[in-house]
C-alpha atoms as a PDB file:
ATOM      1  CA  UNK A   1      48.865 -68.947 -26.410  1.00  0.00           C
ATOM      2  CA  UNK A   2      50.652 -71.756 -28.352  1.00  0.00           C
ATOM      3  CA  UNK A   3      50.527 -75.254 -26.844  1.00  0.00           C
ATOM      4  CA  UNK A   4      53.511 -77.469 -26.151  1.00  0.00           C
ATOM      5  CA  UNK A   5      52.642 -79.814 -29.070  1.00  0.00           C
ATOM      6  CA  UNK A   6      52.663 -76.976 -31.533  1.00  0.00           C
ATOM      7  CA  UNK A   7      56.019 -75.752 -30.290  1.00  0.00           C
ATOM      8  CA  UNK A   8      57.467 -79.285 -30.429  1.00  0.00           C
ATOM      9  CA  UNK A   9      56.726 -79.531 -34.136  1.00  0.00           C
ATOM     10  CA  UNK A  10      58.988 -76.523 -34.798  1.00  0.00           C
ATOM     11  CA  UNK A  11      62.690 -76.811 -35.313  1.00  0.00           C
ATOM     12  CA  UNK A  12      65.248 -75.272 -32.967  1.00  0.00           C
ATOM     13  CA  UNK A  13      65.918 -72.508 -35.463  1.00  0.00           C
ATOM     14  CA  UNK A  14      62.198 -71.704 -35.720  1.00  0.00           C
ATOM     15  CA  UNK A  15      61.848 -71.634 -31.944  1.00  0.00           C
ATOM     16  CA  UNK A  16      64.808 -69.296 -31.669  1.00  0.00           C
ATOM     17  CA  UNK A  17      63.282 -66.976 -34.288  1.00  0.00           C
ATOM     18  CA  UNK A  18      59.911 -67.028 -32.485  1.00  0.00           C
ATOM     19  CA  UNK A  19      61.540 -66.091 -29.187  1.00  0.00           C
ATOM     20  CA  UNK A  20      63.307 -63.171 -30.814  1.00  0.00           C
ATOM     21  CA  UNK A  21      60.041 -61.906 -32.365  1.00  0.00           C
ATOM     22  CA  UNK A  22      58.275 -62.083 -28.996  1.00  0.00           C
ATOM     23  CA  UNK A  23      61.326 -60.542 -27.281  1.00  0.00           C
ATOM     24  CA  UNK A  24      61.736 -63.582 -25.021  1.00  0.00           C
ATOM     25  CA  UNK A  25      65.283 -63.886 -23.688  1.00  0.00           C
ATOM     26  CA  UNK A  26      66.965 -67.138 -24.933  1.00  0.00           C
ATOM     27  CA  UNK A  27      70.549 -68.203 -25.681  1.00  0.00           C
ATOM     28  CA  UNK A  28      71.978 -69.944 -28.727  1.00  0.00           C
ATOM     29  CA  UNK A  29      73.306 -72.868 -26.707  1.00  0.00           C
ATOM     30  CA  UNK A  30      69.929 -73.862 -25.194  1.00  0.00           C
ATOM     31  CA  UNK A  31      68.419 -77.267 -25.962  1.00  0.00           C
ATOM     32  CA  UNK A  32      65.104 -77.561 -27.790  1.00  0.00           C
ATOM     33  CA  UNK A  33      63.188 -78.536 -24.645  1.00  0.00           C
ATOM     34  CA  UNK A  34      64.682 -75.588 -22.769  1.00  0.00           C
ATOM     35  CA  UNK A  35      63.688 -73.302 -25.629  1.00  0.00           C
ATOM     36  CA  UNK A  36      60.100 -74.564 -25.500  1.00  0.00           C
ATOM     37  CA  UNK A  37      59.920 -73.980 -21.732  1.00  0.00           C
ATOM     38  CA  UNK A  38      61.378 -70.458 -22.039  1.00  0.00           C
ATOM     39  CA  UNK A  39      59.021 -69.555 -24.878  1.00  0.00           C
ATOM     40  CA  UNK A  40      55.949 -70.841 -23.006  1.00  0.00           C
ATOM     41  CA  UNK A  41      57.012 -68.895 -19.920  1.00  0.00           C
ATOM     42  CA  UNK A  42      57.550 -65.742 -21.980  1.00  0.00           C
ATOM     43  CA  UNK A  43      54.219 -66.169 -23.772  1.00  0.00           C
ATOM     44  CA  UNK A  44      52.398 -66.512 -20.429  1.00  0.00           C
ATOM     45  CA  UNK A  45      54.074 -63.356 -19.210  1.00  0.00           C
ATOM     46  CA  UNK A  46      53.086 -61.487 -22.379  1.00  0.00           C
ATOM     47  CA  UNK A  47      49.479 -62.703 -22.033  1.00  0.00           C
ATOM     48  CA  UNK A  48      49.339 -61.587 -18.411  1.00  0.00           C
ATOM     49  CA  UNK A  49      50.617 -58.117 -19.340  1.00  0.00           C
ATOM     50  CA  UNK A  50      47.962 -57.817 -22.089  1.00  0.00           C
ATOM     51  CA  UNK A  51      45.180 -58.720 -19.637  1.00  0.00           C
ATOM     52  CA  UNK A  52      46.376 -56.184 -17.082  1.00  0.00           C
ATOM     53  CA  UNK A  53      46.497 -53.467 -19.756  1.00  0.00           C
ATOM     54  CA  UNK A  54      42.960 -54.367 -20.840  1.00  0.00           C
ATOM     55  CA  UNK A  55      41.671 -54.088 -17.251  1.00  0.00           C
ATOM     56  CA  UNK A  56      43.332 -50.716 -16.742  1.00  0.00           C
ATOM     57  CA  UNK A  57      41.870 -49.294 -19.949  1.00  0.00           C
ATOM     58  CA  UNK A  58      38.405 -50.614 -19.003  1.00  0.00           C
ATOM     59  CA  UNK A  59      38.580 -49.052 -15.543  1.00  0.00           C
ATOM     60  CA  UNK A  60      39.686 -45.729 -17.068  1.00  0.00           C
ATOM     61  CA  UNK A  61      36.710 -45.723 -19.426  1.00  0.00           C
ATOM     62  CA  UNK A  62      34.329 -46.469 -16.560  1.00  0.00           C
ATOM     63  CA  UNK A  63      35.793 -43.664 -14.422  1.00  0.00           C
ATOM     64  CA  UNK A  64      35.533 -41.228 -17.342  1.00  0.00           C
ATOM     65  CA  UNK A  65      31.862 -42.097 -17.852  1.00  0.00           C
ATOM     66  CA  UNK A  66      31.179 -41.740 -14.129  1.00  0.00           C
ATOM     67  CA  UNK A  67      32.854 -38.305 -13.959  1.00  0.00           C
ATOM     68  CA  UNK A  68      30.884 -37.136 -16.992  1.00  0.00           C
ATOM     69  CA  UNK A  69      27.654 -38.305 -15.396  1.00  0.00           C
ATOM     70  CA  UNK A  70      28.524 -36.478 -12.191  1.00  0.00           C
ATOM     71  CA  UNK A  71      29.411 -33.335 -14.077  1.00  0.00           C
ATOM     72  CA  UNK A  72      26.014 -33.443 -15.796  1.00  0.00           C
ATOM     73  CA  UNK A  73      24.179 -33.329 -12.480  1.00  0.00           C
ATOM     74  CA  UNK A  74      22.963 -30.013 -11.165  1.00  0.00           C
ATOM     75  CA  UNK A  75      24.924 -29.121  -8.091  1.00  0.00           C
ATOM     76  CA  UNK A  76      23.779 -26.631  -5.492  1.00  0.00           C
ATOM     77  CA  UNK A  77      26.483 -24.017  -5.003  1.00  0.00           C
ATOM     78  CA  UNK A  78      27.715 -23.622  -1.484  1.00  0.00           C
ATOM     79  CA  UNK A  79      26.560 -20.517   0.234  1.00  0.00           C
ATOM     80  CA  UNK A  80      29.434 -18.229   0.993  1.00  0.00           C
ATOM     81  CA  UNK A  81      29.300 -15.285   3.324  1.00  0.00           C
ATOM     82  CA  UNK A  82      29.232 -12.057   1.379  1.00  0.00           C
ATOM     83  CA  UNK A  83      31.732  -9.644   2.803  1.00  0.00           C
ATOM     84  CA  UNK A  84      30.710  -6.066   2.782  1.00  0.00           C
ATOM     85  CA  UNK A  85      33.263  -3.779   1.208  1.00  0.00           C
ATOM     86  CA  UNK A  86      35.343  -1.936   3.697  1.00  0.00           C
ATOM     87  CA  UNK A  87      34.397   1.672   3.875  1.00  0.00           C
ATOM     88  CA  UNK A  88      36.770   4.404   4.881  1.00  0.00           C
ATOM     89  CA  UNK A  89      36.363   5.677   8.381  1.00  0.00           C
ATOM     90  CA  UNK A  90      34.252   8.754   8.595  1.00  0.00           C
ATOM     91  CA  UNK A  91      36.332  11.851   9.017  1.00  0.00           C
ATOM     92  CA  UNK A  92      33.349  13.846  10.179  1.00  0.00           C
ATOM     93  CA  UNK A  93      34.154  15.463  13.485  1.00  0.00           C
ATOM     94  CA  UNK A  94      31.971  14.580  16.417  1.00  0.00           C
ATOM     95  CA  UNK A  95      29.693  17.399  17.528  1.00  0.00           C
ATOM     96  CA  UNK A  96      30.939  19.241  20.564  1.00  0.00           C
ATOM     97  CA  UNK A  97      28.753  19.136  23.675  1.00  0.00           C
ATOM     98  CA  UNK A  98      26.509  22.124  24.095  1.00  0.00           C
ATOM     99  CA  UNK A  99      27.601  24.666  26.682  1.00  0.00           C
ATOM    100  CA  UNK A 100      25.196  25.234  29.562  1.00  0.00           C
ATOM    101  CA  UNK A 101      23.310  28.516  29.824  1.00  0.00           C
ATOM    102  CA  UNK A 102      24.334  28.906  33.464  1.00  0.00           C
ATOM    103  CA  UNK A 103      27.223  27.701  35.607  1.00  0.00           C
ATOM    104  CA  UNK A 104      25.870  28.742  38.999  1.00  0.00           C
ATOM    105  CA  UNK A 105      28.963  30.828  39.841  1.00  0.00           C
ATOM    106  CA  UNK A 106      26.768  33.395  41.627  1.00  0.00           C
ATOM    107  CA  UNK A 107      28.339  36.587  40.384  1.00  0.00           C
ATOM    108  CA  UNK A 108      27.375  39.944  38.897  1.00  0.00           C
ATOM    109  CA  UNK A 109      29.596  41.660  36.334  1.00  0.00           C
ATOM    110  CA  UNK A 110      29.330  45.157  34.867  1.00  0.00           C
ATOM    111  CA  UNK A 111      31.314  46.421  31.857  1.00  0.00           C
ATOM    112  CA  UNK A 112      31.476  49.835  30.189  1.00  0.00           C
ATOM    113  CA  UNK A 113      30.162  49.815  26.640  1.00  0.00           C
ATOM    114  CA  UNK A 114      30.668  53.505  25.807  1.00  0.00           C
ATOM    115  CA  UNK A 115      30.589  56.860  27.684  1.00  0.00           C
ATOM    116  CA  UNK A 116      26.838  56.493  28.371  1.00  0.00           C
ATOM    117  CA  UNK A 117      25.993  52.791  28.524  1.00  0.00           C
ATOM    118  CA  UNK A 118      27.098  49.808  30.606  1.00  0.00           C
ATOM    119  CA  UNK A 119      26.438  46.118  30.111  1.00  0.00           C
ATOM    120  CA  UNK A 120      25.489  43.984  33.128  1.00  0.00           C
ATOM    121  CA  UNK A 121      25.225  40.186  33.291  1.00  0.00           C
ATOM    122  CA  UNK A 122      24.727  37.782  36.179  1.00  0.00           C
ATOM    123  CA  UNK A 123      24.855  34.081  36.969  1.00  0.00           C
ATOM    124  CA  UNK A 124      23.105  33.287  40.231  1.00  0.00           C
ATOM    125  CA  UNK A 125      23.231  30.068  42.222  1.00  0.00           C
ATOM    126  CA  UNK A 126      19.774  28.472  42.698  1.00  0.00           C
ATOM    127  CA  UNK A 127      20.623  27.522  46.277  1.00  0.00           C
ATOM    128  CA  UNK A 128      21.532  31.123  47.180  1.00  0.00           C
ATOM    129  CA  UNK A 129      18.327  32.362  45.551  1.00  0.00           C
ATOM    130  CA  UNK A 130      16.360  29.949  47.756  1.00  0.00           C
ATOM    131  CA  UNK A 131      18.248  31.185  50.832  1.00  0.00           C
ATOM    132  CA  UNK A 132      17.523  34.807  49.856  1.00  0.00           C
ATOM    133  CA  UNK A 133      13.779  34.196  49.477  1.00  0.00           C
ATOM    134  CA  UNK A 134      13.715  32.224  52.722  1.00  0.00           C
ATOM    135  CA  UNK A 135      15.434  35.022  54.650  1.00  0.00           C
ATOM    136  CA  UNK A 136      12.933  37.513  53.188  1.00  0.00           C
ATOM    137  CA  UNK A 137      10.004  35.219  54.046  1.00  0.00           C
ATOM    138  CA  UNK A 138       8.795  35.547  50.448  1.00  0.00           C
ATOM    139  CA  UNK A 139       8.251  33.410  47.368  1.00  0.00           C
ATOM    140  CA  UNK A 140       9.343  33.966  43.785  1.00  0.00           C
ATOM    141  CA  UNK A 141       5.873  35.313  42.943  1.00  0.00           C
ATOM    142  CA  UNK A 142       5.789  37.947  45.667  1.00  0.00           C
ATOM    143  CA  UNK A 143       9.121  39.702  45.027  1.00  0.00           C
ATOM    144  CA  UNK A 144      10.603  41.905  42.287  1.00  0.00           C
ATOM    145  CA  UNK A 145      14.128  41.475  41.045  1.00  0.00           C
ATOM    146  CA  UNK A 146      16.040  44.730  41.125  1.00  0.00           C
ATOM    147  CA  UNK A 147      19.340  46.092  39.841  1.00  0.00           C
ATOM    148  CA  UNK A 148      20.417  48.787  42.311  1.00  0.00           C
ATOM    149  CA  UNK A 149      22.907  51.110  40.582  1.00  0.00           C
ATOM    150  CA  UNK A 150      25.155  53.173  42.888  1.00  0.00           C
ATOM    151  CA  UNK A 151      26.918  56.333  41.717  1.00  0.00           C
ATOM    152  CA  UNK A 152      30.019  55.492  43.706  1.00  0.00           C
ATOM    153  CA  UNK A 153      32.738  57.904  44.727  1.00  0.00           C
ATOM    154  CA  UNK A 154      36.258  57.125  43.672  1.00  0.00           C
ATOM    155  CA  UNK A 155      37.455  56.754  47.281  1.00  0.00           C
ATOM    156  CA  UNK A 156      36.724  54.908  49.426  1.00  0.00           C
ATOM    157  CA  UNK A 157      35.148  51.887  47.740  1.00  0.00           C
ATOM    158  CA  UNK A 158      32.670  51.431  50.595  1.00  0.00           C
ATOM    159  CA  UNK A 159      31.076  54.810  49.889  1.00  0.00           C
ATOM    160  CA  UNK A 160      28.556  53.804  47.242  1.00  0.00           C
ATOM    161  CA  UNK A 161      26.827  57.167  47.038  1.00  0.00           C
ATOM    162  CA  UNK A 162      23.395  57.745  45.507  1.00  0.00           C
ATOM    163  CA  UNK A 163      21.538  54.989  43.701  1.00  0.00           C
ATOM    164  CA  UNK A 164      18.578  54.230  41.469  1.00  0.00           C
ATOM    165  CA  UNK A 165      16.693  50.953  40.891  1.00  0.00           C
ATOM    166  CA  UNK A 166      15.867  49.120  37.677  1.00  0.00           C
ATOM    167  CA  UNK A 167      13.399  46.210  37.484  1.00  0.00           C
ATOM    168  CA  UNK A 168      14.830  43.238  35.578  1.00  0.00           C
ATOM    169  CA  UNK A 169      13.871  39.708  34.588  1.00  0.00           C
ATOM    170  CA  UNK A 170      16.253  37.559  36.607  1.00  0.00           C
ATOM    171  CA  UNK A 171      15.932  34.707  34.088  1.00  0.00           C
ATOM    172  CA  UNK A 172      17.252  36.978  31.310  1.00  0.00           C
ATOM    173  CA  UNK A 173      20.742  37.025  32.761  1.00  0.00           C
ATOM    174  CA  UNK A 174      21.814  40.411  31.328  1.00  0.00           C
ATOM    175  CA  UNK A 175      20.780  44.035  30.954  1.00  0.00           C
ATOM    176  CA  UNK A 176      21.980  47.279  29.310  1.00  0.00           C
ATOM    177  CA  UNK A 177      22.077  50.275  31.676  1.00  0.00           C
ATOM    178  CA  UNK A 178      21.691  53.805  30.316  1.00  0.00           C
ATOM    179  CA  UNK A 179      23.850  55.739  32.794  1.00  0.00           C
ATOM    180  CA  UNK A 180      24.471  58.913  30.728  1.00  0.00           C
ATOM    181  CA  UNK A 181      27.427  60.012  32.839  1.00  0.00           C
ATOM    182  CA  UNK A 182      30.725  59.883  30.942  1.00  0.00           C
ATOM    183  CA  UNK A 183      33.672  59.370  33.296  1.00  0.00           C
ATOM    184  CA  UNK A 184      31.379  58.313  36.166  1.00  0.00           C
ATOM    185  CA  UNK A 185      32.105  55.427  38.515  1.00  0.00           C
ATOM    186  CA  UNK A 186      29.375  52.887  39.326  1.00  0.00           C
ATOM    187  CA  UNK A 187      28.740  49.756  41.360  1.00  0.00           C
ATOM    188  CA  UNK A 188      25.693  47.521  40.805  1.00  0.00           C
ATOM    189  CA  UNK A 189      23.882  45.125  43.140  1.00  0.00           C
ATOM    190  CA  UNK A 190      21.198  42.569  42.290  1.00  0.00           C
ATOM    191  CA  UNK A 191      18.555  41.431  44.731  1.00  0.00           C
ATOM    192  CA  UNK A 192      14.843  41.221  45.533  1.00  0.00           C
ATOM    193  CA  UNK A 193      12.386  43.813  46.811  1.00  0.00           C
ATOM    194  CA  UNK A 194       9.463  42.596  48.898  1.00  0.00           C
ATOM    195  CA  UNK A 195       5.965  44.194  48.867  1.00  0.00           C
ATOM    196  CA  UNK A 196       6.950  46.496  51.733  1.00  0.00           C
ATOM    197  CA  UNK A 197       9.774  48.022  49.640  1.00  0.00           C
ATOM    198  CA  UNK A 198      12.682  46.412  51.498  1.00  0.00           C
ATOM    199  CA  UNK A 199      15.606  45.520  49.228  1.00  0.00           C
ATOM    200  CA  UNK A 200      17.834  42.507  49.928  1.00  0.00           C
ATOM    201  CA  UNK A 201      20.981  42.132  47.868  1.00  0.00           C
ATOM    202  CA  UNK A 202      22.437  38.757  46.885  1.00  0.00           C
ATOM    203  CA  UNK A 203      25.424  39.784  44.700  1.00  0.00           C
ATOM    204  CA  UNK A 204      27.529  42.905  44.077  1.00  0.00           C
ATOM    205  CA  UNK A 205      29.418  43.761  40.892  1.00  0.00           C
ATOM    206  CA  UNK A 206      32.881  45.076  40.294  1.00  0.00           C
ATOM    207  CA  UNK A 207      33.267  48.887  40.107  1.00  0.00           C
ATOM    208  CA  UNK A 208      33.230  50.307  36.576  1.00  0.00           C
ATOM    209  CA  UNK A 209      34.291  53.714  35.215  1.00  0.00           C
ATOM    210  CA  UNK A 210      32.712  54.908  31.999  1.00  0.00           C
ATOM    211  CA  UNK A 211      35.060  56.431  29.417  1.00  0.00           C
ATOM    212  CA  UNK A 212      35.014  60.160  28.720  1.00  0.00           C
ATOM    213  CA  UNK A 213      33.231  61.554  25.692  1.00  0.00           C
ATOM    214  CA  UNK A 214      36.002  64.139  25.025  1.00  0.00           C
ATOM    215  CA  UNK A 215      39.819  64.057  24.848  1.00  0.00           C
ATOM    216  CA  UNK A 216      41.669  63.933  28.167  1.00  0.00           C
ATOM    217  CA  UNK A 217      43.251  67.093  29.584  1.00  0.00           C
ATOM    218  CA  UNK A 218      46.558  65.333  30.141  1.00  0.00           C
ATOM    219  CA  UNK A 219      48.465  64.505  26.988  1.00  0.00           C
ATOM    220  CA  UNK A 220      51.548  62.323  26.860  1.00  0.00           C
ATOM    221  CA  UNK A 221      54.810  64.296  26.412  1.00  0.00           C
ATOM    222  CA  UNK A 222      56.611  64.378  23.112  1.00  0.00           C
ATOM    223  CA  UNK A 223      58.473  61.202  22.290  1.00  0.00           C
ATOM    224  CA  UNK A 224      62.178  61.608  21.650  1.00  0.00           C
ATOM    225  CA  UNK A 225      63.519  59.645  18.717  1.00  0.00           C
ATOM    226  CA  UNK A 226      67.125  59.001  17.864  1.00  0.00           C
ATOM    227  CA  UNK A 227      68.495  60.213  14.541  1.00  0.00           C
ATOM    228  CA  UNK A 228      68.417  56.755  12.999  1.00  0.00           C
ATOM    229  CA  UNK A 229      64.665  56.430  13.761  1.00  0.00           C
ATOM    230  CA  UNK A 230      63.527  59.714  12.188  1.00  0.00           C
ATOM    231  CA  UNK A 231      62.462  59.875   8.584  1.00  0.00           C
ATOM    232  CA  UNK A 232      64.557  61.987   6.170  1.00  0.00           C
ATOM    233  CA  UNK A 233      63.366  65.583   6.114  1.00  0.00           C
ATOM    234  CA  UNK A 234      61.235  65.178   9.293  1.00  0.00           C
ATOM    235  CA  UNK A 235      62.650  66.731  12.426  1.00  0.00           C
ATOM    236  CA  UNK A 236      60.131  65.578  15.082  1.00  0.00           C
ATOM    237  CA  UNK A 237      56.470  64.935  15.853  1.00  0.00           C
ATOM    238  CA  UNK A 238      54.189  67.657  17.194  1.00  0.00           C
ATOM    239  CA  UNK A 239      51.149  67.407  19.479  1.00  0.00           C
ATOM    240  CA  UNK A 240      47.756  67.901  17.841  1.00  0.00           C
ATOM    241  CA  UNK A 241      45.915  71.024  19.044  1.00  0.00           C
ATOM    242  CA  UNK A 242      43.209  69.365  21.233  1.00  0.00           C
ATOM    243  CA  UNK A 243      40.852  71.613  23.195  1.00  0.00           C
ATOM    244  CA  UNK A 244      38.285  70.607  25.766  1.00  0.00           C
ATOM    245  CA  UNK A 245      34.720  71.482  24.734  1.00  0.00           C
ATOM    246  CA  UNK A 246      33.074  74.187  26.858  1.00  0.00           C
END
């Protein structure tokens, strides 16, 4: 920065020109001493601004070097939890629970299969089986399980008629009976037979009638159709000539 002695050697016009070059605000009517003071003040201000700019540029360079040094270091990446991809919900139907082999309803059912055969199935309660063996004074090893088949009359229901016995495996739960009596009516009982031959029943079936193995004697009467229901050229339907085998 210029000293006061150097500025004093200059003329007023020179000082004014110097102030304009340095962009120091002065007026044309100022005295020489006032010009020198204004120029010195402006020069100090300019010097201060230069120093501040130099400091800022130096600090920027230092920060740039520091950031580069940091970027050169090996950094350990942060561990992030890996999210498993969402999978669609399984549309597979859940398996249905298995049905039990027995329900313990304690019943015996007989159904006609054809004119000669009937199908029998049973579901016996374990507690009633124990009561049956207790009343007979026997064990499961000393008795035989029997299906007693009655050739029942149509009326009354209580008249069971003649019967025959069939040995069965009670654990099997079902049996096919060869009755060989088309149109016959039957009732079946299930129970145990002790060594003395006494039979004790624990369940009785529904009555069943086997179908006939020939056409029925009674035939439905002719159906009467109105004119709008008959086909063109067809007057009526006729009964087929059925005859009962001898």
